């Protein structure tokens, strides 16, 4: 899966699930703020990413995913290892 495919799929998924316009998903935008994630919806967010990409996101690494670019990087890195 290419980086472009990851970006497109993630944006589509998150836009639909959290009812947020995907045009707000710029690489440097803050994920939690853009999606208005509280602690409960953060669990949903992680579950969606983990199920879709068959990857595990430990809490310690989740803290490092601040921007959409961080998220795309994380998925791309862990898909390669899988």
PDB file of N, CA and C in Angstrom:
ATOM      1  N   UNK A   1       0.853  -1.182   0.000  1.00  0.00           N
ATOM      2  CA  UNK A   1       0.000   0.000   0.000  1.00  0.00           C
ATOM      3  C   UNK A   1       0.891   1.235   0.000  1.00  0.00           C
ATOM      4  N   UNK A   2       0.628   2.145  -0.914  1.00  0.00           N
ATOM      5  CA  UNK A   2       1.440   3.355  -1.013  1.00  0.00           C
ATOM      6  C   UNK A   2       1.009   4.382   0.040  1.00  0.00           C
ATOM      7  N   UNK A   3       1.854   5.352   0.243  1.00  0.00           N
ATOM      8  CA  UNK A   3       1.546   6.431   1.195  1.00  0.00           C
ATOM      9  C   UNK A   3       0.253   7.139   0.780  1.00  0.00           C
ATOM     10  N   UNK A   4       0.100   7.382  -0.507  1.00  0.00           N
ATOM     11  CA  UNK A   4      -1.098   8.064  -1.008  1.00  0.00           C
ATOM     12  C   UNK A   4      -2.353   7.252  -0.711  1.00  0.00           C
ATOM     13  N   UNK A   5      -2.264   5.935  -0.867  1.00  0.00           N
ATOM     14  CA  UNK A   5      -3.404   5.064  -0.579  1.00  0.00           C
ATOM     15  C   UNK A   5      -3.743   5.077   0.912  1.00  0.00           C
ATOM     16  N   UNK A   6      -2.711   5.092   1.739  1.00  0.00           N
ATOM     17  CA  UNK A   6      -2.910   5.159   3.199  1.00  0.00           C
ATOM     18  C   UNK A   6      -3.619   6.468   3.554  1.00  0.00           C
ATOM     19  N   UNK A   7      -3.120   7.578   3.039  1.00  0.00           N
ATOM     20  CA  UNK A   7      -3.692   8.893   3.332  1.00  0.00           C
ATOM     21  C   UNK A   7      -5.156   8.933   2.902  1.00  0.00           C
ATOM     22  N   UNK A   8      -5.425   8.470   1.694  1.00  0.00           N
ATOM     23  CA  UNK A   8      -6.797   8.504   1.176  1.00  0.00           C
ATOM     24  C   UNK A   8      -7.735   7.629   2.004  1.00  0.00           C
ATOM     25  N   UNK A   9      -7.293   6.420   2.327  1.00  0.00           N
ATOM     26  CA  UNK A   9      -8.136   5.495   3.089  1.00  0.00           C
ATOM     27  C   UNK A   9      -8.380   6.003   4.514  1.00  0.00           C
ATOM     28  N   UNK A  10      -7.318   6.469   5.170  1.00  0.00           N
ATOM     29  CA  UNK A  10      -7.447   7.000   6.532  1.00  0.00           C
ATOM     30  C   UNK A  10      -8.401   8.194   6.543  1.00  0.00           C
ATOM     31  N   UNK A  11      -8.218   9.111   5.606  1.00  0.00           N
ATOM     32  CA  UNK A  11      -9.068  10.297   5.560  1.00  0.00           C
ATOM     33  C   UNK A  11     -10.524   9.929   5.326  1.00  0.00           C
ATOM     34  N   UNK A  12     -10.778   9.000   4.413  1.00  0.00           N
ATOM     35  CA  UNK A  12     -12.149   8.555   4.147  1.00  0.00           C
ATOM     36  C   UNK A  12     -12.772   7.915   5.385  1.00  0.00           C
ATOM     37  N   UNK A  13     -12.014   7.023   6.002  1.00  0.00           N
ATOM     38  CA  UNK A  13     -12.492   6.320   7.199  1.00  0.00           C
ATOM     39  C   UNK A  13     -12.845   7.290   8.322  1.00  0.00           C
ATOM     40  N   UNK A  14     -11.897   8.162   8.642  1.00  0.00           N
ATOM     41  CA  UNK A  14     -12.080   9.070   9.766  1.00  0.00           C
ATOM     42  C   UNK A  14     -13.137  10.130   9.479  1.00  0.00           C
ATOM     43  N   UNK A  15     -13.204  10.573   8.247  1.00  0.00           N
ATOM     44  CA  UNK A  15     -14.218  11.552   7.866  1.00  0.00           C
ATOM     45  C   UNK A  15     -15.616  10.978   8.056  1.00  0.00           C
ATOM     46  N   UNK A  16     -15.785   9.743   7.624  1.00  0.00           N
ATOM     47  CA  UNK A  16     -17.091   9.097   7.750  1.00  0.00           C
ATOM     48  C   UNK A  16     -17.424   8.769   9.205  1.00  0.00           C
ATOM     49  N   UNK A  17     -16.477   8.189   9.909  1.00  0.00           N
ATOM     50  CA  UNK A  17     -16.727   7.749  11.290  1.00  0.00           C
ATOM     51  C   UNK A  17     -16.990   8.912  12.243  1.00  0.00           C
ATOM     52  N   UNK A  18     -16.212   9.984  12.103  1.00  0.00           N
ATOM     53  CA  UNK A  18     -16.318  11.095  13.049  1.00  0.00           C
ATOM     54  C   UNK A  18     -17.067  12.300  12.478  1.00  0.00           C
ATOM     55  N   UNK A  19     -17.596  12.139  11.268  1.00  0.00           N
ATOM     56  CA  UNK A  19     -18.398  13.173  10.612  1.00  0.00           C
ATOM     57  C   UNK A  19     -17.686  14.519  10.579  1.00  0.00           C
ATOM     58  N   UNK A  20     -16.453  14.477  10.071  1.00  0.00           N
ATOM     59  CA  UNK A  20     -15.631  15.679   9.941  1.00  0.00           C
ATOM     60  C   UNK A  20     -15.201  15.786   8.478  1.00  0.00           C
ATOM     61  N   UNK A  21     -15.212  16.996   7.949  1.00  0.00           N
ATOM     62  CA  UNK A  21     -14.811  17.231   6.565  1.00  0.00           C
ATOM     63  C   UNK A  21     -13.335  16.854   6.380  1.00  0.00           C
ATOM     64  N   UNK A  22     -13.065  15.959   5.446  1.00  0.00           N
ATOM     65  CA  UNK A  22     -11.706  15.470   5.213  1.00  0.00           C
ATOM     66  C   UNK A  22     -10.743  16.575   4.764  1.00  0.00           C
ATOM     67  N   UNK A  23     -11.269  17.690   4.268  1.00  0.00           N
ATOM     68  CA  UNK A  23     -10.375  18.786   3.865  1.00  0.00           C
ATOM     69  C   UNK A  23      -9.661  19.398   5.076  1.00  0.00           C
ATOM     70  N   UNK A  24     -10.156  19.114   6.273  1.00  0.00           N
ATOM     71  CA  UNK A  24      -9.503  19.607   7.502  1.00  0.00           C
ATOM     72  C   UNK A  24      -8.304  18.750   7.889  1.00  0.00           C
ATOM     73  N   UNK A  25      -8.152  17.598   7.247  1.00  0.00           N
ATOM     74  CA  UNK A  25      -7.083  16.663   7.585  1.00  0.00           C
ATOM     75  C   UNK A  25      -5.794  17.020   6.848  1.00  0.00           C
ATOM     76  N   UNK A  26      -5.192  18.115   7.247  1.00  0.00           N
ATOM     77  CA  UNK A  26      -3.903  18.500   6.669  1.00  0.00           C
ATOM     78  C   UNK A  26      -2.809  17.746   7.415  1.00  0.00           C
ATOM     79  N   UNK A  27      -1.659  17.553   6.777  1.00  0.00           N
ATOM     80  CA  UNK A  27      -0.591  16.776   7.434  1.00  0.00           C
ATOM     81  C   UNK A  27      -0.209  17.275   8.820  1.00  0.00           C
ATOM     82  N   UNK A  28      -0.241  18.596   9.022  1.00  0.00           N
ATOM     83  CA  UNK A  28       0.178  19.150  10.324  1.00  0.00           C
ATOM     84  C   UNK A  28      -0.976  19.399  11.288  1.00  0.00           C
ATOM     85  N   UNK A  29      -2.200  19.092  10.886  1.00  0.00           N
ATOM     86  CA  UNK A  29      -3.360  19.291  11.771  1.00  0.00           C
ATOM     87  C   UNK A  29      -3.295  18.303  12.941  1.00  0.00           C
ATOM     88  N   UNK A  30      -3.708  18.765  14.103  1.00  0.00           N
ATOM     89  CA  UNK A  30      -3.735  17.921  15.294  1.00  0.00           C
ATOM     90  C   UNK A  30      -4.921  16.949  15.193  1.00  0.00           C
ATOM     91  N   UNK A  31      -4.639  15.668  15.313  1.00  0.00           N
ATOM     92  CA  UNK A  31      -5.658  14.624  15.148  1.00  0.00           C
ATOM     93  C   UNK A  31      -6.774  14.767  16.182  1.00  0.00           C
ATOM     94  N   UNK A  32      -6.404  14.872  17.444  1.00  0.00           N
ATOM     95  CA  UNK A  32      -7.408  14.934  18.510  1.00  0.00           C
ATOM     96  C   UNK A  32      -8.298  16.167  18.392  1.00  0.00           C
ATOM     97  N   UNK A  33      -7.689  17.304  18.087  1.00  0.00           N
ATOM     98  CA  UNK A  33      -8.467  18.540  17.964  1.00  0.00           C
ATOM     99  C   UNK A  33      -9.360  18.514  16.725  1.00  0.00           C
ATOM    100  N   UNK A  34      -8.807  18.077  15.605  1.00  0.00           N
ATOM    101  CA  UNK A  34      -9.558  18.068  14.350  1.00  0.00           C
ATOM    102  C   UNK A  34     -10.765  17.140  14.429  1.00  0.00           C
ATOM    103  N   UNK A  35     -10.581  15.985  15.068  1.00  0.00           N
ATOM    104  CA  UNK A  35     -11.670  15.013  15.180  1.00  0.00           C
ATOM    105  C   UNK A  35     -12.506  15.217  16.445  1.00  0.00           C
ATOM    106  N   UNK A  36     -12.136  16.185  17.265  1.00  0.00           N
ATOM    107  CA  UNK A  36     -12.802  16.453  18.551  1.00  0.00           C
ATOM    108  C   UNK A  36     -12.881  15.180  19.402  1.00  0.00           C
ATOM    109  N   UNK A  37     -11.735  14.537  19.565  1.00  0.00           N
ATOM    110  CA  UNK A  37     -11.694  13.276  20.297  1.00  0.00           C
ATOM    111  C   UNK A  37     -11.635  13.495  21.799  1.00  0.00           C
ATOM    112  N   UNK A  38     -12.573  12.854  22.506  1.00  0.00           N
ATOM    113  CA  UNK A  38     -12.471  12.795  23.961  1.00  0.00           C
ATOM    114  C   UNK A  38     -11.937  11.395  24.282  1.00  0.00           C
ATOM    115  N   UNK A  39     -11.847  11.043  25.543  1.00  0.00           N
ATOM    116  CA  UNK A  39     -11.242   9.755  25.896  1.00  0.00           C
ATOM    117  C   UNK A  39     -12.009   8.567  25.315  1.00  0.00           C
ATOM    118  N   UNK A  40     -13.323   8.682  25.247  1.00  0.00           N
ATOM    119  CA  UNK A  40     -14.130   7.594  24.706  1.00  0.00           C
ATOM    120  C   UNK A  40     -13.979   7.467  23.193  1.00  0.00           C
ATOM    121  N   UNK A  41     -14.053   8.580  22.490  1.00  0.00           N
ATOM    122  CA  UNK A  41     -13.926   8.521  21.037  1.00  0.00           C
ATOM    123  C   UNK A  41     -12.489   8.210  20.609  1.00  0.00           C
ATOM    124  N   UNK A  42     -11.516   8.484  21.487  1.00  0.00           N
ATOM    125  CA  UNK A  42     -10.133   8.119  21.199  1.00  0.00           C
ATOM    126  C   UNK A  42     -10.004   6.598  21.123  1.00  0.00           C
ATOM    127  N   UNK A  43     -10.734   5.902  21.976  1.00  0.00           N
ATOM    128  CA  UNK A  43     -10.736   4.432  21.952  1.00  0.00           C
ATOM    129  C   UNK A  43     -11.295   3.941  20.608  1.00  0.00           C
ATOM    130  N   UNK A  44     -12.375   4.566  20.152  1.00  0.00           N
ATOM    131  CA  UNK A  44     -12.948   4.223  18.845  1.00  0.00           C
ATOM    132  C   UNK A  44     -11.945   4.469  17.725  1.00  0.00           C
ATOM    133  N   UNK A  45     -11.279   5.605  17.789  1.00  0.00           N
ATOM    134  CA  UNK A  45     -10.284   5.975  16.792  1.00  0.00           C
ATOM    135  C   UNK A  45      -9.202   4.901  16.692  1.00  0.00           C
ATOM    136  N   UNK A  46      -8.651   4.514  17.829  1.00  0.00           N
ATOM    137  CA  UNK A  46      -7.590   3.504  17.857  1.00  0.00           C
ATOM    138  C   UNK A  46      -8.118   2.169  17.312  1.00  0.00           C
ATOM    139  N   UNK A  47      -9.315   1.783  17.728  1.00  0.00           N
ATOM    140  CA  UNK A  47      -9.908   0.519  17.266  1.00  0.00           C
ATOM    141  C   UNK A  47     -10.074   0.504  15.752  1.00  0.00           C
ATOM    142  N   UNK A  48     -10.540   1.603  15.191  1.00  0.00           N
ATOM    143  CA  UNK A  48     -10.732   1.693  13.742  1.00  0.00           C
ATOM    144  C   UNK A  48      -9.407   1.508  13.010  1.00  0.00           C
ATOM    145  N   UNK A  49      -8.389   2.207  13.457  1.00  0.00           N
ATOM    146  CA  UNK A  49      -7.073   2.115  12.802  1.00  0.00           C
ATOM    147  C   UNK A  49      -6.505   0.706  12.950  1.00  0.00           C
ATOM    148  N   UNK A  50      -6.586   0.156  14.156  1.00  0.00           N
ATOM    149  CA  UNK A  50      -6.042  -1.184  14.401  1.00  0.00           C
ATOM    150  C   UNK A  50      -6.760  -2.245  13.567  1.00  0.00           C
ATOM    151  N   UNK A  51      -8.074  -2.189  13.505  1.00  0.00           N
ATOM    152  CA  UNK A  51      -8.842  -3.184  12.744  1.00  0.00           C
ATOM    153  C   UNK A  51      -8.622  -3.040  11.244  1.00  0.00           C
ATOM    154  N   UNK A  52      -8.590  -1.826  10.772  1.00  0.00           N
ATOM    155  CA  UNK A  52      -8.447  -1.583   9.339  1.00  0.00           C
ATOM    156  C   UNK A  52      -7.082  -2.026   8.829  1.00  0.00           C
ATOM    157  N   UNK A  53      -6.041  -1.715   9.583  1.00  0.00           N
ATOM    158  CA  UNK A  53      -4.682  -1.975   9.120  1.00  0.00           C
ATOM    159  C   UNK A  53      -4.015  -3.178   9.788  1.00  0.00           C
ATOM    160  N   UNK A  54      -4.752  -3.855  10.675  1.00  0.00           N
ATOM    161  CA  UNK A  54      -4.215  -5.045  11.362  1.00  0.00           C
ATOM    162  C   UNK A  54      -2.882  -4.738  12.044  1.00  0.00           C
ATOM    163  N   UNK A  55      -2.853  -3.577  12.723  1.00  0.00           N
ATOM    164  CA  UNK A  55      -1.669  -3.193  13.483  1.00  0.00           C
ATOM    165  C   UNK A  55      -2.082  -2.902  14.915  1.00  0.00           C
ATOM    166  N   UNK A  56      -1.120  -2.914  15.816  1.00  0.00           N
ATOM    167  CA  UNK A  56      -1.367  -2.620  17.225  1.00  0.00           C
ATOM    168  C   UNK A  56      -0.730  -1.276  17.542  1.00  0.00           C
ATOM    169  N   UNK A  57      -1.475  -0.423  18.246  1.00  0.00           N
ATOM    170  CA  UNK A  57      -0.943   0.877  18.658  1.00  0.00           C
ATOM    171  C   UNK A  57      -0.894   0.917  20.180  1.00  0.00           C
ATOM    172  N   UNK A  58       0.282   0.651  20.765  1.00  0.00           N
ATOM    173  CA  UNK A  58       0.404   0.731  22.225  1.00  0.00           C
ATOM    174  C   UNK A  58       0.173   2.159  22.717  1.00  0.00           C
ATOM    175  N   UNK A  59      -0.296   2.297  23.943  1.00  0.00           N
ATOM    176  CA  UNK A  59      -0.589   3.610  24.521  1.00  0.00           C
ATOM    177  C   UNK A  59       0.630   4.520  24.457  1.00  0.00           C
ATOM    178  N   UNK A  60       1.807   3.974  24.717  1.00  0.00           N
ATOM    179  CA  UNK A  60       3.025   4.795  24.702  1.00  0.00           C
ATOM    180  C   UNK A  60       3.276   5.380  23.314  1.00  0.00           C
ATOM    181  N   UNK A  61       2.969   4.620  22.272  1.00  0.00           N
ATOM    182  CA  UNK A  61       3.172   5.116  20.911  1.00  0.00           C
ATOM    183  C   UNK A  61       2.023   6.016  20.472  1.00  0.00           C
ATOM    184  N   UNK A  62       0.837   5.774  20.998  1.00  0.00           N
ATOM    185  CA  UNK A  62      -0.319   6.611  20.672  1.00  0.00           C
ATOM    186  C   UNK A  62      -0.058   8.064  21.069  1.00  0.00           C
ATOM    187  N   UNK A  63       0.628   8.243  22.176  1.00  0.00           N
ATOM    188  CA  UNK A  63       0.947   9.598  22.654  1.00  0.00           C
ATOM    189  C   UNK A  63       1.790  10.376  21.650  1.00  0.00           C
ATOM    190  N   UNK A  64       2.548   9.664  20.825  1.00  0.00           N
ATOM    191  CA  UNK A  64       3.424  10.309  19.839  1.00  0.00           C
ATOM    192  C   UNK A  64       2.676  10.677  18.555  1.00  0.00           C
ATOM    193  N   UNK A  65       1.469  10.163  18.380  1.00  0.00           N
ATOM    194  CA  UNK A  65       0.684  10.456  17.182  1.00  0.00           C
ATOM    195  C   UNK A  65      -0.140  11.712  17.444  1.00  0.00           C
ATOM    196  N   UNK A  66       0.446  12.833  17.110  1.00  0.00           N
ATOM    197  CA  UNK A  66      -0.212  14.112  17.365  1.00  0.00           C
ATOM    198  C   UNK A  66      -0.855  14.681  16.101  1.00  0.00           C
ATOM    199  N   UNK A  67      -0.176  14.557  14.973  1.00  0.00           N
ATOM    200  CA  UNK A  67      -0.677  15.124  13.717  1.00  0.00           C
ATOM    201  C   UNK A  67      -1.099  13.999  12.763  1.00  0.00           C
ATOM    202  N   UNK A  68      -1.797  14.380  11.717  1.00  0.00           N
ATOM    203  CA  UNK A  68      -2.176  13.386  10.713  1.00  0.00           C
ATOM    204  C   UNK A  68      -0.937  12.805  10.052  1.00  0.00           C
ATOM    205  N   UNK A  69       0.085  13.623   9.873  1.00  0.00           N
ATOM    206  CA  UNK A  69       1.337  13.144   9.303  1.00  0.00           C
ATOM    207  C   UNK A  69       1.939  12.051  10.191  1.00  0.00           C
ATOM    208  N   UNK A  70       1.908  12.256  11.518  1.00  0.00           N
ATOM    209  CA  UNK A  70       2.391  11.235  12.460  1.00  0.00           C
ATOM    210  C   UNK A  70       1.604   9.944  12.283  1.00  0.00           C
ATOM    211  N   UNK A  71       0.299  10.071  12.115  1.00  0.00           N
ATOM    212  CA  UNK A  71      -0.570   8.904  11.950  1.00  0.00           C
ATOM    213  C   UNK A  71      -0.232   8.161  10.665  1.00  0.00           C
ATOM    214  N   UNK A  72      -0.116   8.895   9.562  1.00  0.00           N
ATOM    215  CA  UNK A  72       0.227   8.256   8.285  1.00  0.00           C
ATOM    216  C   UNK A  72       1.591   7.567   8.381  1.00  0.00           C
ATOM    217  N   UNK A  73       2.566   8.237   9.003  1.00  0.00           N
ATOM    218  CA  UNK A  73       3.904   7.666   9.175  1.00  0.00           C
ATOM    219  C   UNK A  73       3.834   6.369   9.975  1.00  0.00           C
ATOM    220  N   UNK A  74       3.081   6.398  11.068  1.00  0.00           N
ATOM    221  CA  UNK A  74       2.967   5.223  11.934  1.00  0.00           C
ATOM    222  C   UNK A  74       2.380   4.042  11.166  1.00  0.00           C
ATOM    223  N   UNK A  75       1.306   4.278  10.452  1.00  0.00           N
ATOM    224  CA  UNK A  75       0.665   3.195   9.693  1.00  0.00           C
ATOM    225  C   UNK A  75       1.618   2.681   8.624  1.00  0.00           C
ATOM    226  N   UNK A  76       2.237   3.581   7.905  1.00  0.00           N
ATOM    227  CA  UNK A  76       3.162   3.182   6.826  1.00  0.00           C
ATOM    228  C   UNK A  76       4.311   2.342   7.386  1.00  0.00           C
ATOM    229  N   UNK A  77       4.874   2.754   8.492  1.00  0.00           N
ATOM    230  CA  UNK A  77       5.993   2.045   9.112  1.00  0.00           C
ATOM    231  C   UNK A  77       5.597   0.651   9.573  1.00  0.00           C
ATOM    232  N   UNK A  78       4.436   0.543  10.214  1.00  0.00           N
ATOM    233  CA  UNK A  78       4.019  -0.735  10.775  1.00  0.00           C
ATOM    234  C   UNK A  78       3.422  -1.680   9.743  1.00  0.00           C
ATOM    235  N   UNK A  79       2.909  -1.150   8.663  1.00  0.00           N
ATOM    236  CA  UNK A  79       2.433  -2.013   7.572  1.00  0.00           C
ATOM    237  C   UNK A  79       3.623  -2.709   6.913  1.00  0.00           C
ATOM    238  N   UNK A  80       4.726  -2.000   6.785  1.00  0.00           N
ATOM    239  CA  UNK A  80       5.917  -2.556   6.176  1.00  0.00           C
ATOM    240  C   UNK A  80       6.450  -3.718   7.013  1.00  0.00           C
ATOM    241  N   UNK A  81       6.387  -3.568   8.334  1.00  0.00           N
ATOM    242  CA  UNK A  81       6.887  -4.602   9.229  1.00  0.00           C
ATOM    243  C   UNK A  81       5.966  -5.816   9.295  1.00  0.00           C
ATOM    244  N   UNK A  82       4.704  -5.630   9.006  1.00  0.00           N
ATOM    245  CA  UNK A  82       3.732  -6.718   9.152  1.00  0.00           C
ATOM    246  C   UNK A  82       3.929  -7.806   8.111  1.00  0.00           C
TER     247      UNK A  82
END
